[in-house]
PDB file of N, CA and C in Angstrom:
ATOM      1  N   UNK A   1      31.014  23.623-110.701  1.00  0.00           N
ATOM      2  CA  UNK A   1      29.446  23.720-111.100  1.00  0.00           C
ATOM      3  C   UNK A   1      29.058  24.350-109.965  1.00  0.00           C
ATOM      4  N   UNK A   2      28.067  25.212-110.191  1.00  0.00           N
ATOM      5  CA  UNK A   2      27.380  25.977-109.274  1.00  0.00           C
ATOM      6  C   UNK A   2      26.335  25.972-108.595  1.00  0.00           C
ATOM      7  N   UNK A   3      25.714  25.605-108.014  1.00  0.00           N
ATOM      8  CA  UNK A   3      24.223  25.131-107.300  1.00  0.00           C
ATOM      9  C   UNK A   3      23.904  26.623-106.851  1.00  0.00           C
ATOM     10  N   UNK A   4      22.253  26.443-107.148  1.00  0.00           N
ATOM     11  CA  UNK A   4      21.578  27.572-106.229  1.00  0.00           C
ATOM     12  C   UNK A   4      20.739  27.088-105.035  1.00  0.00           C
ATOM     13  N   UNK A   5      20.187  26.965-104.212  1.00  0.00           N
ATOM     14  CA  UNK A   5      18.876  26.372-103.645  1.00  0.00           C
ATOM     15  C   UNK A   5      18.856  27.423-101.804  1.00  0.00           C
ATOM     16  N   UNK A   6      18.726  26.844-100.916  1.00  0.00           N
ATOM     17  CA  UNK A   6      17.793  28.161-100.152  1.00  0.00           C
ATOM     18  C   UNK A   6      18.669  27.457 -99.033  1.00  0.00           C
ATOM     19  N   UNK A   7      18.554  28.004 -97.171  1.00  0.00           N
ATOM     20  CA  UNK A   7      18.757  27.451 -96.026  1.00  0.00           C
ATOM     21  C   UNK A   7      17.885  26.424 -95.709  1.00  0.00           C
ATOM     22  N   UNK A   8      16.916  26.659 -95.973  1.00  0.00           N
ATOM     23  CA  UNK A   8      15.791  26.068 -95.535  1.00  0.00           C
ATOM     24  C   UNK A   8      14.616  25.816 -96.587  1.00  0.00           C
ATOM     25  N   UNK A   9      13.449  24.796 -96.164  1.00  0.00           N
ATOM     26  CA  UNK A   9      12.611  24.590 -96.966  1.00  0.00           C
ATOM     27  C   UNK A   9      11.079  24.564 -96.178  1.00  0.00           C
ATOM     28  N   UNK A  10      10.317  24.845 -97.155  1.00  0.00           N
ATOM     29  CA  UNK A  10       8.988  24.079 -96.316  1.00  0.00           C
ATOM     30  C   UNK A  10       8.315  25.369 -95.637  1.00  0.00           C
ATOM     31  N   UNK A  11       9.001  26.655 -95.765  1.00  0.00           N
ATOM     32  CA  UNK A  11       8.392  28.180 -95.557  1.00  0.00           C
ATOM     33  C   UNK A  11       6.505  28.489 -96.063  1.00  0.00           C
ATOM     34  N   UNK A  12       5.744  28.111 -95.373  1.00  0.00           N
ATOM     35  CA  UNK A  12       4.164  28.434 -96.096  1.00  0.00           C
ATOM     36  C   UNK A  12       4.330  30.170 -96.783  1.00  0.00           C
ATOM     37  N   UNK A  13       4.972  30.425 -96.570  1.00  0.00           N
ATOM     38  CA  UNK A  13       4.868  32.626 -96.866  1.00  0.00           C
ATOM     39  C   UNK A  13       6.042  32.279 -98.409  1.00  0.00           C
ATOM     40  N   UNK A  14       6.170  30.730 -99.321  1.00  0.00           N
ATOM     41  CA  UNK A  14       6.128  30.210 -99.971  1.00  0.00           C
ATOM     42  C   UNK A  14       5.464  30.429-100.866  1.00  0.00           C
ATOM     43  N   UNK A  15       4.495  30.568-100.642  1.00  0.00           N
ATOM     44  CA  UNK A  15       3.110  29.284-101.210  1.00  0.00           C
ATOM     45  C   UNK A  15       3.002  31.009-102.363  1.00  0.00           C
ATOM     46  N   UNK A  16       2.455  30.164-103.540  1.00  0.00           N
ATOM     47  CA  UNK A  16       2.603  31.509-104.522  1.00  0.00           C
ATOM     48  C   UNK A  16       4.067  31.451-105.235  1.00  0.00           C
ATOM     49  N   UNK A  17       5.346  30.997-105.144  1.00  0.00           N
ATOM     50  CA  UNK A  17       6.235  31.382-105.815  1.00  0.00           C
ATOM     51  C   UNK A  17       6.679  30.352-105.551  1.00  0.00           C
ATOM     52  N   UNK A  18       6.992  29.642-105.071  1.00  0.00           N
ATOM     53  CA  UNK A  18       7.885  28.008-105.094  1.00  0.00           C
ATOM     54  C   UNK A  18       6.673  27.212-104.955  1.00  0.00           C
ATOM     55  N   UNK A  19       5.956  26.832-104.015  1.00  0.00           N
ATOM     56  CA  UNK A  19       5.093  26.321-103.969  1.00  0.00           C
ATOM     57  C   UNK A  19       3.133  26.360-104.384  1.00  0.00           C
ATOM     58  N   UNK A  20       2.532  25.504-104.360  1.00  0.00           N
ATOM     59  CA  UNK A  20       1.042  25.780-105.256  1.00  0.00           C
ATOM     60  C   UNK A  20       0.068  25.585-103.677  1.00  0.00           C
ATOM     61  N   UNK A  21      -0.647  26.375-103.602  1.00  0.00           N
ATOM     62  CA  UNK A  21      -1.334  27.085-103.003  1.00  0.00           C
ATOM     63  C   UNK A  21      -2.519  25.777-102.481  1.00  0.00           C
ATOM     64  N   UNK A  22      -3.103  25.148-103.535  1.00  0.00           N
ATOM     65  CA  UNK A  22      -3.843  24.566-103.678  1.00  0.00           C
ATOM     66  C   UNK A  22      -3.831  22.685-103.301  1.00  0.00           C
ATOM     67  N   UNK A  23      -1.938  22.768-103.496  1.00  0.00           N
ATOM     68  CA  UNK A  23      -1.881  21.414-103.542  1.00  0.00           C
ATOM     69  C   UNK A  23      -2.034  21.356-101.660  1.00  0.00           C
ATOM     70  N   UNK A  24      -1.517  22.027-100.989  1.00  0.00           N
ATOM     71  CA  UNK A  24      -1.498  22.216 -99.543  1.00  0.00           C
ATOM     72  C   UNK A  24      -2.749  22.735 -98.739  1.00  0.00           C
ATOM     73  N   UNK A  25      -3.376  22.888 -99.743  1.00  0.00           N
ATOM     74  CA  UNK A  25      -4.881  23.198 -98.545  1.00  0.00           C
ATOM     75  C   UNK A  25      -4.942  22.274 -97.386  1.00  0.00           C
ATOM     76  N   UNK A  26      -5.271  22.894 -96.349  1.00  0.00           N
ATOM     77  CA  UNK A  26      -5.343  21.763 -94.814  1.00  0.00           C
ATOM     78  C   UNK A  26      -4.721  20.964 -94.574  1.00  0.00           C
ATOM     79  N   UNK A  27      -3.349  21.265 -94.884  1.00  0.00           N
ATOM     80  CA  UNK A  27      -2.260  20.389 -94.746  1.00  0.00           C
ATOM     81  C   UNK A  27      -0.786  21.429 -94.364  1.00  0.00           C
ATOM     82  N   UNK A  28      -1.295  22.803 -93.886  1.00  0.00           N
ATOM     83  CA  UNK A  28      -0.301  23.307 -93.554  1.00  0.00           C
ATOM     84  C   UNK A  28      -0.373  22.831 -91.364  1.00  0.00           C
ATOM     85  N   UNK A  29       1.115  22.677 -91.089  1.00  0.00           N
ATOM     86  CA  UNK A  29       1.105  22.754 -89.471  1.00  0.00           C
ATOM     87  C   UNK A  29       2.039  24.300 -89.029  1.00  0.00           C
ATOM     88  N   UNK A  30       1.531  24.480 -87.739  1.00  0.00           N
ATOM     89  CA  UNK A  30       1.389  25.642 -87.013  1.00  0.00           C
ATOM     90  C   UNK A  30       2.373  25.685 -86.038  1.00  0.00           C
ATOM     91  N   UNK A  31       3.589  25.798 -86.136  1.00  0.00           N
ATOM     92  CA  UNK A  31       4.607  25.677 -84.092  1.00  0.00           C
ATOM     93  C   UNK A  31       4.731  27.054 -83.800  1.00  0.00           C
ATOM     94  N   UNK A  32       4.478  27.601 -83.088  1.00  0.00           N
ATOM     95  CA  UNK A  32       5.636  28.209 -82.562  1.00  0.00           C
ATOM     96  C   UNK A  32       6.851  28.248 -81.563  1.00  0.00           C
ATOM     97  N   UNK A  33       7.858  29.645 -81.494  1.00  0.00           N
ATOM     98  CA  UNK A  33       9.064  29.285 -81.488  1.00  0.00           C
ATOM     99  C   UNK A  33       8.946  30.256 -80.339  1.00  0.00           C
ATOM    100  N   UNK A  34       9.415  30.187 -79.704  1.00  0.00           N
ATOM    101  CA  UNK A  34      10.380  30.701 -78.606  1.00  0.00           C
ATOM    102  C   UNK A  34      11.439  31.365 -78.891  1.00  0.00           C
ATOM    103  N   UNK A  35      11.380  33.060 -78.603  1.00  0.00           N
ATOM    104  CA  UNK A  35      12.172  33.772 -78.693  1.00  0.00           C
ATOM    105  C   UNK A  35      12.506  34.755 -77.328  1.00  0.00           C
ATOM    106  N   UNK A  36      13.768  35.366 -77.640  1.00  0.00           N
ATOM    107  CA  UNK A  36      13.635  36.228 -76.232  1.00  0.00           C
ATOM    108  C   UNK A  36      13.201  37.139 -76.196  1.00  0.00           C
ATOM    109  N   UNK A  37      13.057  37.588 -77.249  1.00  0.00           N
ATOM    110  CA  UNK A  37      11.964  39.179 -77.904  1.00  0.00           C
ATOM    111  C   UNK A  37      10.358  38.853 -78.026  1.00  0.00           C
ATOM    112  N   UNK A  38       9.887  37.583 -78.000  1.00  0.00           N
ATOM    113  CA  UNK A  38       8.792  37.468 -78.347  1.00  0.00           C
ATOM    114  C   UNK A  38       8.238  35.455 -78.686  1.00  0.00           C
ATOM    115  N   UNK A  39       7.399  35.223 -78.613  1.00  0.00           N
ATOM    116  CA  UNK A  39       6.997  33.988 -79.598  1.00  0.00           C
ATOM    117  C   UNK A  39       6.497  34.767 -80.937  1.00  0.00           C
ATOM    118  N   UNK A  40       6.568  33.238 -81.297  1.00  0.00           N
ATOM    119  CA  UNK A  40       5.770  33.495 -83.111  1.00  0.00           C
ATOM    120  C   UNK A  40       4.811  32.431 -83.520  1.00  0.00           C
ATOM    121  N   UNK A  41       4.505  32.501 -84.887  1.00  0.00           N
ATOM    122  CA  UNK A  41       3.968  31.231 -85.062  1.00  0.00           C
ATOM    123  C   UNK A  41       4.366  30.988 -86.419  1.00  0.00           C
ATOM    124  N   UNK A  42       5.276  29.948 -86.305  1.00  0.00           N
ATOM    125  CA  UNK A  42       5.718  29.703 -87.610  1.00  0.00           C
ATOM    126  C   UNK A  42       4.495  28.427 -88.421  1.00  0.00           C
ATOM    127  N   UNK A  43       4.586  28.414 -89.833  1.00  0.00           N
ATOM    128  CA  UNK A  43       3.653  27.979 -90.856  1.00  0.00           C
ATOM    129  C   UNK A  43       4.756  27.195 -91.546  1.00  0.00           C
ATOM    130  N   UNK A  44       4.444  25.476 -91.798  1.00  0.00           N
ATOM    131  CA  UNK A  44       4.953  25.076 -91.784  1.00  0.00           C
ATOM    132  C   UNK A  44       5.028  23.975 -93.109  1.00  0.00           C
ATOM    133  N   UNK A  45       4.894  23.545 -94.263  1.00  0.00           N
ATOM    134  CA  UNK A  45       4.506  22.287 -95.314  1.00  0.00           C
ATOM    135  C   UNK A  45       4.736  21.408 -95.182  1.00  0.00           C
ATOM    136  N   UNK A  46       4.054  20.380 -95.444  1.00  0.00           N
ATOM    137  CA  UNK A  46       4.466  18.743 -95.114  1.00  0.00           C
ATOM    138  C   UNK A  46       5.990  18.894 -95.733  1.00  0.00           C
ATOM    139  N   UNK A  47       6.290  17.335 -96.094  1.00  0.00           N
ATOM    140  CA  UNK A  47       7.511  17.092 -96.466  1.00  0.00           C
ATOM    141  C   UNK A  47       7.505  16.906 -98.120  1.00  0.00           C
ATOM    142  N   UNK A  48       6.446  16.467 -98.033  1.00  0.00           N
ATOM    143  CA  UNK A  48       6.345  15.918 -99.758  1.00  0.00           C
ATOM    144  C   UNK A  48       6.532  17.515-100.347  1.00  0.00           C
ATOM    145  N   UNK A  49       6.469  18.914-100.128  1.00  0.00           N
ATOM    146  CA  UNK A  49       6.067  19.903-100.635  1.00  0.00           C
ATOM    147  C   UNK A  49       8.298  19.908-101.229  1.00  0.00           C
ATOM    148  N   UNK A  50       9.022  18.694-100.548  1.00  0.00           N
ATOM    149  CA  UNK A  50      10.226  19.108-101.369  1.00  0.00           C
ATOM    150  C   UNK A  50      10.328  19.039-103.163  1.00  0.00           C
ATOM    151  N   UNK A  51       9.414  18.105-103.378  1.00  0.00           N
ATOM    152  CA  UNK A  51       9.089  17.886-104.580  1.00  0.00           C
ATOM    153  C   UNK A  51       8.833  18.815-105.587  1.00  0.00           C
ATOM    154  N   UNK A  52       7.769  20.326-104.788  1.00  0.00           N
ATOM    155  CA  UNK A  52       7.842  21.818-106.010  1.00  0.00           C
ATOM    156  C   UNK A  52       9.564  22.001-105.845  1.00  0.00           C
ATOM    157  N   UNK A  53      10.132  21.900-104.537  1.00  0.00           N
ATOM    158  CA  UNK A  53      11.256  22.752-104.338  1.00  0.00           C
ATOM    159  C   UNK A  53      12.175  22.774-104.877  1.00  0.00           C
ATOM    160  N   UNK A  54      12.186  21.376-105.299  1.00  0.00           N
ATOM    161  CA  UNK A  54      13.600  20.494-106.229  1.00  0.00           C
ATOM    162  C   UNK A  54      13.038  21.251-108.000  1.00  0.00           C
ATOM    163  N   UNK A  55      11.933  21.007-108.084  1.00  0.00           N
ATOM    164  CA  UNK A  55      11.594  21.996-109.446  1.00  0.00           C
ATOM    165  C   UNK A  55      11.891  23.131-109.536  1.00  0.00           C
ATOM    166  N   UNK A  56      12.758  24.296-108.759  1.00  0.00           N
ATOM    167  CA  UNK A  56      13.057  25.248-108.263  1.00  0.00           C
ATOM    168  C   UNK A  56      14.248  25.550-108.574  1.00  0.00           C
ATOM    169  N   UNK A  57      15.090  24.450-107.708  1.00  0.00           N
ATOM    170  CA  UNK A  57      16.239  23.928-107.202  1.00  0.00           C
ATOM    171  C   UNK A  57      17.006  23.039-106.998  1.00  0.00           C
ATOM    172  N   UNK A  58      18.554  22.931-107.162  1.00  0.00           N
ATOM    173  CA  UNK A  58      18.880  21.314-107.407  1.00  0.00           C
ATOM    174  C   UNK A  58      19.319  21.594-106.078  1.00  0.00           C
ATOM    175  N   UNK A  59      19.598  22.222-104.697  1.00  0.00           N
ATOM    176  CA  UNK A  59      20.226  21.562-103.279  1.00  0.00           C
ATOM    177  C   UNK A  59      19.185  22.695-102.029  1.00  0.00           C
ATOM    178  N   UNK A  60      19.343  21.934-101.304  1.00  0.00           N
ATOM    179  CA  UNK A  60      18.967  22.124 -99.985  1.00  0.00           C
ATOM    180  C   UNK A  60      19.880  22.025 -98.898  1.00  0.00           C
ATOM    181  N   UNK A  61      19.730  23.076 -97.888  1.00  0.00           N
ATOM    182  CA  UNK A  61      20.877  22.967 -97.080  1.00  0.00           C
ATOM    183  C   UNK A  61      19.860  23.098 -95.920  1.00  0.00           C
ATOM    184  N   UNK A  62      20.223  21.319 -94.782  1.00  0.00           N
ATOM    185  CA  UNK A  62      18.770  21.512 -93.785  1.00  0.00           C
ATOM    186  C   UNK A  62      19.268  22.267 -92.613  1.00  0.00           C
ATOM    187  N   UNK A  63      19.288  22.993 -91.677  1.00  0.00           N
ATOM    188  CA  UNK A  63      19.351  23.014 -90.543  1.00  0.00           C
ATOM    189  C   UNK A  63      19.561  22.735 -89.222  1.00  0.00           C
ATOM    190  N   UNK A  64      18.453  22.048 -89.440  1.00  0.00           N
ATOM    191  CA  UNK A  64      17.867  21.057 -88.187  1.00  0.00           C
ATOM    192  C   UNK A  64      18.350  20.076 -87.811  1.00  0.00           C
ATOM    193  N   UNK A  65      19.595  19.738 -88.612  1.00  0.00           N
ATOM    194  CA  UNK A  65      20.603  19.052 -88.319  1.00  0.00           C
ATOM    195  C   UNK A  65      21.621  19.193 -87.294  1.00  0.00           C
ATOM    196  N   UNK A  66      21.425  21.055 -87.442  1.00  0.00           N
ATOM    197  CA  UNK A  66      22.436  21.501 -86.126  1.00  0.00           C
ATOM    198  C   UNK A  66      22.307  20.969 -84.850  1.00  0.00           C
ATOM    199  N   UNK A  67      21.117  21.126 -84.553  1.00  0.00           N
ATOM    200  CA  UNK A  67      20.375  21.720 -83.108  1.00  0.00           C
ATOM    201  C   UNK A  67      20.061  20.130 -82.121  1.00  0.00           C
ATOM    202  N   UNK A  68      20.237  18.718 -83.226  1.00  0.00           N
ATOM    203  CA  UNK A  68      20.457  17.198 -82.534  1.00  0.00           C
ATOM    204  C   UNK A  68      20.528  16.529 -83.207  1.00  0.00           C
ATOM    205  N   UNK A  69      21.129  14.945 -82.505  1.00  0.00           N
ATOM    206  CA  UNK A  69      22.023  14.280 -83.462  1.00  0.00           C
ATOM    207  C   UNK A  69      21.413  13.624 -84.197  1.00  0.00           C
ATOM    208  N   UNK A  70      22.082  12.797 -85.585  1.00  0.00           N
ATOM    209  CA  UNK A  70      20.635  11.424 -85.769  1.00  0.00           C
ATOM    210  C   UNK A  70      20.641  10.865 -85.474  1.00  0.00           C
ATOM    211  N   UNK A  71      22.292  10.224 -84.628  1.00  0.00           N
ATOM    212  CA  UNK A  71      21.699   9.349 -83.559  1.00  0.00           C
ATOM    213  C   UNK A  71      21.616   9.708 -81.769  1.00  0.00           C
ATOM    214  N   UNK A  72      21.335   9.062 -81.437  1.00  0.00           N
ATOM    215  CA  UNK A  72      21.043   9.053 -79.634  1.00  0.00           C
ATOM    216  C   UNK A  72      22.097   8.068 -79.481  1.00  0.00           C
ATOM    217  N   UNK A  73      23.179   8.297 -77.486  1.00  0.00           N
ATOM    218  CA  UNK A  73      23.991   8.081 -77.000  1.00  0.00           C
ATOM    219  C   UNK A  73      24.331   7.159 -77.490  1.00  0.00           C
ATOM    220  N   UNK A  74      22.946   5.756 -77.707  1.00  0.00           N
ATOM    221  CA  UNK A  74      23.357   4.284 -77.827  1.00  0.00           C
ATOM    222  C   UNK A  74      23.627   4.317 -79.410  1.00  0.00           C
ATOM    223  N   UNK A  75      23.323   5.053 -80.082  1.00  0.00           N
ATOM    224  CA  UNK A  75      23.598   5.171 -82.098  1.00  0.00           C
ATOM    225  C   UNK A  75      21.765   4.905 -82.648  1.00  0.00           C
ATOM    226  N   UNK A  76      21.050   4.693 -81.402  1.00  0.00           N
ATOM    227  CA  UNK A  76      19.615   4.858 -82.059  1.00  0.00           C
ATOM    228  C   UNK A  76      18.954   5.605 -83.124  1.00  0.00           C
ATOM    229  N   UNK A  77      18.548   5.824 -84.288  1.00  0.00           N
ATOM    230  CA  UNK A  77      17.802   6.768 -84.673  1.00  0.00           C
ATOM    231  C   UNK A  77      17.243   7.223 -84.294  1.00  0.00           C
ATOM    232  N   UNK A  78      17.346   9.065 -84.283  1.00  0.00           N
ATOM    233  CA  UNK A  78      16.476  10.541 -82.854  1.00  0.00           C
ATOM    234  C   UNK A  78      15.704  10.782 -84.462  1.00  0.00           C
ATOM    235  N   UNK A  79      14.943  11.341 -83.594  1.00  0.00           N
ATOM    236  CA  UNK A  79      13.580  12.785 -84.760  1.00  0.00           C
ATOM    237  C   UNK A  79      14.424  12.164 -86.072  1.00  0.00           C
ATOM    238  N   UNK A  80      15.769  13.812 -85.760  1.00  0.00           N
ATOM    239  CA  UNK A  80      15.607  14.374 -87.099  1.00  0.00           C
ATOM    240  C   UNK A  80      16.205  12.974 -88.054  1.00  0.00           C
ATOM    241  N   UNK A  81      17.240  12.024 -87.664  1.00  0.00           N
ATOM    242  CA  UNK A  81      17.122  10.229 -88.973  1.00  0.00           C
ATOM    243  C   UNK A  81      15.808  10.159 -89.213  1.00  0.00           C
ATOM    244  N   UNK A  82      14.965  10.324 -88.270  1.00  0.00           N
ATOM    245  CA  UNK A  82      13.378   9.722 -89.047  1.00  0.00           C
ATOM    246  C   UNK A  82      13.174  10.567 -90.329  1.00  0.00           C
ATOM    247  N   UNK A  83      13.370  12.294 -89.769  1.00  0.00           N
ATOM    248  CA  UNK A  83      13.238  13.076 -90.497  1.00  0.00           C
ATOM    249  C   UNK A  83      13.469  13.318 -91.523  1.00  0.00           C
ATOM    250  N   UNK A  84      15.036  13.148 -91.677  1.00  0.00           N
ATOM    251  CA  UNK A  84      15.737  12.777 -92.957  1.00  0.00           C
ATOM    252  C   UNK A  84      15.641  11.357 -93.769  1.00  0.00           C
ATOM    253  N   UNK A  85      14.953  10.525 -92.922  1.00  0.00           N
ATOM    254  CA  UNK A  85      14.231   9.379 -94.325  1.00  0.00           C
ATOM    255  C   UNK A  85      13.035   9.690 -94.939  1.00  0.00           C
ATOM    256  N   UNK A  86      12.311  10.842 -94.239  1.00  0.00           N
ATOM    257  CA  UNK A  86      11.113  11.159 -94.461  1.00  0.00           C
ATOM    258  C   UNK A  86      11.586  12.255 -95.796  1.00  0.00           C
ATOM    259  N   UNK A  87      12.309  12.382 -95.455  1.00  0.00           N
ATOM    260  CA  UNK A  87      12.936  13.670 -97.023  1.00  0.00           C
ATOM    261  C   UNK A  87      13.962  13.148 -97.712  1.00  0.00           C
ATOM    262  N   UNK A  88      14.535  11.451 -97.570  1.00  0.00           N
ATOM    263  CA  UNK A  88      14.768  11.223 -98.549  1.00  0.00           C
ATOM    264  C   UNK A  88      13.411  10.135 -99.273  1.00  0.00           C
ATOM    265  N   UNK A  89      12.152  10.013 -99.562  1.00  0.00           N
ATOM    266  CA  UNK A  89      11.559   9.532 -99.703  1.00  0.00           C
ATOM    267  C   UNK A  89      10.726  10.505-100.797  1.00  0.00           C
ATOM    268  N   UNK A  90      11.616  11.975-100.917  1.00  0.00           N
ATOM    269  CA  UNK A  90      10.380  12.289-101.943  1.00  0.00           C
ATOM    270  C   UNK A  90      11.690  13.592-102.261  1.00  0.00           C
ATOM    271  N   UNK A  91      13.106  13.271-102.653  1.00  0.00           N
ATOM    272  CA  UNK A  91      13.879  13.269-103.183  1.00  0.00           C
ATOM    273  C   UNK A  91      14.775  12.674-104.699  1.00  0.00           C
ATOM    274  N   UNK A  92      14.772  13.111-105.465  1.00  0.00           N
ATOM    275  CA  UNK A  92      15.068  12.155-106.712  1.00  0.00           C
ATOM    276  C   UNK A  92      16.730  11.917-106.414  1.00  0.00           C
ATOM    277  N   UNK A  93      17.307  11.365-107.185  1.00  0.00           N
ATOM    278  CA  UNK A  93      19.224  11.150-107.125  1.00  0.00           C
ATOM    279  C   UNK A  93      20.116  12.424-107.553  1.00  0.00           C
ATOM    280  N   UNK A  94      19.340  13.058-108.264  1.00  0.00           N
ATOM    281  CA  UNK A  94      19.472  14.377-108.508  1.00  0.00           C
ATOM    282  C   UNK A  94      19.665  15.237-107.605  1.00  0.00           C
ATOM    283  N   UNK A  95      18.818  15.565-106.528  1.00  0.00           N
ATOM    284  CA  UNK A  95      18.971  15.946-106.191  1.00  0.00           C
ATOM    285  C   UNK A  95      19.817  16.174-104.499  1.00  0.00           C
ATOM    286  N   UNK A  96      20.013  17.230-104.405  1.00  0.00           N
ATOM    287  CA  UNK A  96      20.962  17.372-103.253  1.00  0.00           C
ATOM    288  C   UNK A  96      20.663  18.280-102.284  1.00  0.00           C
ATOM    289  N   UNK A  97      21.216  17.207-100.776  1.00  0.00           N
ATOM    290  CA  UNK A  97      20.959  17.584 -99.779  1.00  0.00           C
ATOM    291  C   UNK A  97      21.999  17.871 -98.724  1.00  0.00           C
ATOM    292  N   UNK A  98      22.597  18.992 -98.557  1.00  0.00           N
ATOM    293  CA  UNK A  98      23.422  19.549 -97.446  1.00  0.00           C
ATOM    294  C   UNK A  98      23.293  19.737 -96.181  1.00  0.00           C
ATOM    295  N   UNK A  99      23.914  18.848 -95.476  1.00  0.00           N
ATOM    296  CA  UNK A  99      23.015  18.234 -93.625  1.00  0.00           C
ATOM    297  C   UNK A  99      24.335  19.914 -93.067  1.00  0.00           C
ATOM    298  N   UNK A 100      23.496  20.585 -91.922  1.00  0.00           N
ATOM    299  CA  UNK A 100      24.397  21.348 -91.406  1.00  0.00           C
ATOM    300  C   UNK A 100      24.671  20.084 -90.158  1.00  0.00           C
ATOM    301  N   UNK A 101      26.625  20.982 -90.360  1.00  0.00           N
ATOM    302  CA  UNK A 101      26.999  20.185 -88.909  1.00  0.00           C
ATOM    303  C   UNK A 101      26.611  20.032 -87.224  1.00  0.00           C
ATOM    304  N   UNK A 102      26.620  18.816 -86.713  1.00  0.00           N
ATOM    305  CA  UNK A 102      25.587  18.903 -85.165  1.00  0.00           C
ATOM    306  C   UNK A 102      26.388  20.294 -84.793  1.00  0.00           C
ATOM    307  N   UNK A 103      25.763  20.515 -83.605  1.00  0.00           N
ATOM    308  CA  UNK A 103      26.537  21.677 -82.248  1.00  0.00           C
ATOM    309  C   UNK A 103      27.461  21.221 -81.910  1.00  0.00           C
ATOM    310  N   UNK A 104      26.460  19.498 -81.547  1.00  0.00           N
ATOM    311  CA  UNK A 104      27.556  19.213 -80.670  1.00  0.00           C
ATOM    312  C   UNK A 104      28.717  18.259 -81.094  1.00  0.00           C
ATOM    313  N   UNK A 105      29.273  18.641 -82.343  1.00  0.00           N
ATOM    314  CA  UNK A 105      30.046  18.436 -83.063  1.00  0.00           C
ATOM    315  C   UNK A 105      31.027  19.462 -83.185  1.00  0.00           C
ATOM    316  N   UNK A 106      30.354  20.629 -83.495  1.00  0.00           N
ATOM    317  CA  UNK A 106      30.856  21.613 -83.999  1.00  0.00           C
ATOM    318  C   UNK A 106      30.509  22.917 -83.120  1.00  0.00           C
ATOM    319  N   UNK A 107      30.328  23.007 -82.349  1.00  0.00           N
ATOM    320  CA  UNK A 107      29.506  24.210 -81.218  1.00  0.00           C
ATOM    321  C   UNK A 107      29.836  23.901 -79.701  1.00  0.00           C
ATOM    322  N   UNK A 108      30.928  23.174 -79.269  1.00  0.00           N
ATOM    323  CA  UNK A 108      30.449  23.118 -77.885  1.00  0.00           C
ATOM    324  C   UNK A 108      30.584  24.223 -77.240  1.00  0.00           C
ATOM    325  N   UNK A 109      30.205  25.253 -77.660  1.00  0.00           N
ATOM    326  CA  UNK A 109      30.380  26.403 -76.649  1.00  0.00           C
ATOM    327  C   UNK A 109      30.340  27.709 -77.403  1.00  0.00           C
ATOM    328  N   UNK A 110      29.126  28.163 -76.859  1.00  0.00           N
ATOM    329  CA  UNK A 110      28.121  28.885 -77.474  1.00  0.00           C
ATOM    330  C   UNK A 110      28.573  30.888 -77.226  1.00  0.00           C
ATOM    331  N   UNK A 111      29.451  31.794 -77.828  1.00  0.00           N
ATOM    332  CA  UNK A 111      29.059  32.653 -77.334  1.00  0.00           C
ATOM    333  C   UNK A 111      27.830  33.836 -77.235  1.00  0.00           C
ATOM    334  N   UNK A 112      27.939  33.945 -75.893  1.00  0.00           N
ATOM    335  CA  UNK A 112      26.637  34.876 -75.059  1.00  0.00           C
ATOM    336  C   UNK A 112      27.769  35.925 -74.901  1.00  0.00           C
ATOM    337  N   UNK A 113      26.962  37.010 -75.050  1.00  0.00           N
ATOM    338  CA  UNK A 113      27.595  38.582 -74.815  1.00  0.00           C
ATOM    339  C   UNK A 113      28.993  38.936 -74.819  1.00  0.00           C
ATOM    340  N   UNK A 114      30.045  39.043 -74.318  1.00  0.00           N
ATOM    341  CA  UNK A 114      31.312  38.898 -74.226  1.00  0.00           C
ATOM    342  C   UNK A 114      32.342  37.385 -74.160  1.00  0.00           C
ATOM    343  N   UNK A 115      31.728  36.626 -73.863  1.00  0.00           N
ATOM    344  CA  UNK A 115      32.177  35.773 -73.566  1.00  0.00           C
ATOM    345  C   UNK A 115      31.925  34.113 -73.661  1.00  0.00           C
ATOM    346  N   UNK A 116      32.547  33.105 -74.207  1.00  0.00           N
ATOM    347  CA  UNK A 116      31.698  31.683 -74.683  1.00  0.00           C
ATOM    348  C   UNK A 116      31.720  31.212 -73.111  1.00  0.00           C
ATOM    349  N   UNK A 117      29.927  30.245 -73.453  1.00  0.00           N
ATOM    350  CA  UNK A 117      29.881  29.342 -72.694  1.00  0.00           C
ATOM    351  C   UNK A 117      30.167  27.567 -72.672  1.00  0.00           C
TER     352      UNK A 117
END
């Protein structure tokens, strides 16, 4: 089986294409991303936008799981775990989520310039 989806979701830039603008009026969050080239503001739809996303696609890859583990060092649920619980509340049995492997497991060393750190 071949599935088509995206590597992220909840982008306000997809309003009018994937998402209905009127459904999210007044519910879009703004967050600042700090990059080496400068900052930019990202607008993010609420998690319930997954319901519309899965009307168009049947798979979604979540990359936020790369940046922080689901459980902390004591085995307690972390922020990503709780976010996944919210995601599960807005998906159906046939919807598929692919979680990006955590950096702590797959990328202990990061390449910067010509060396690994």
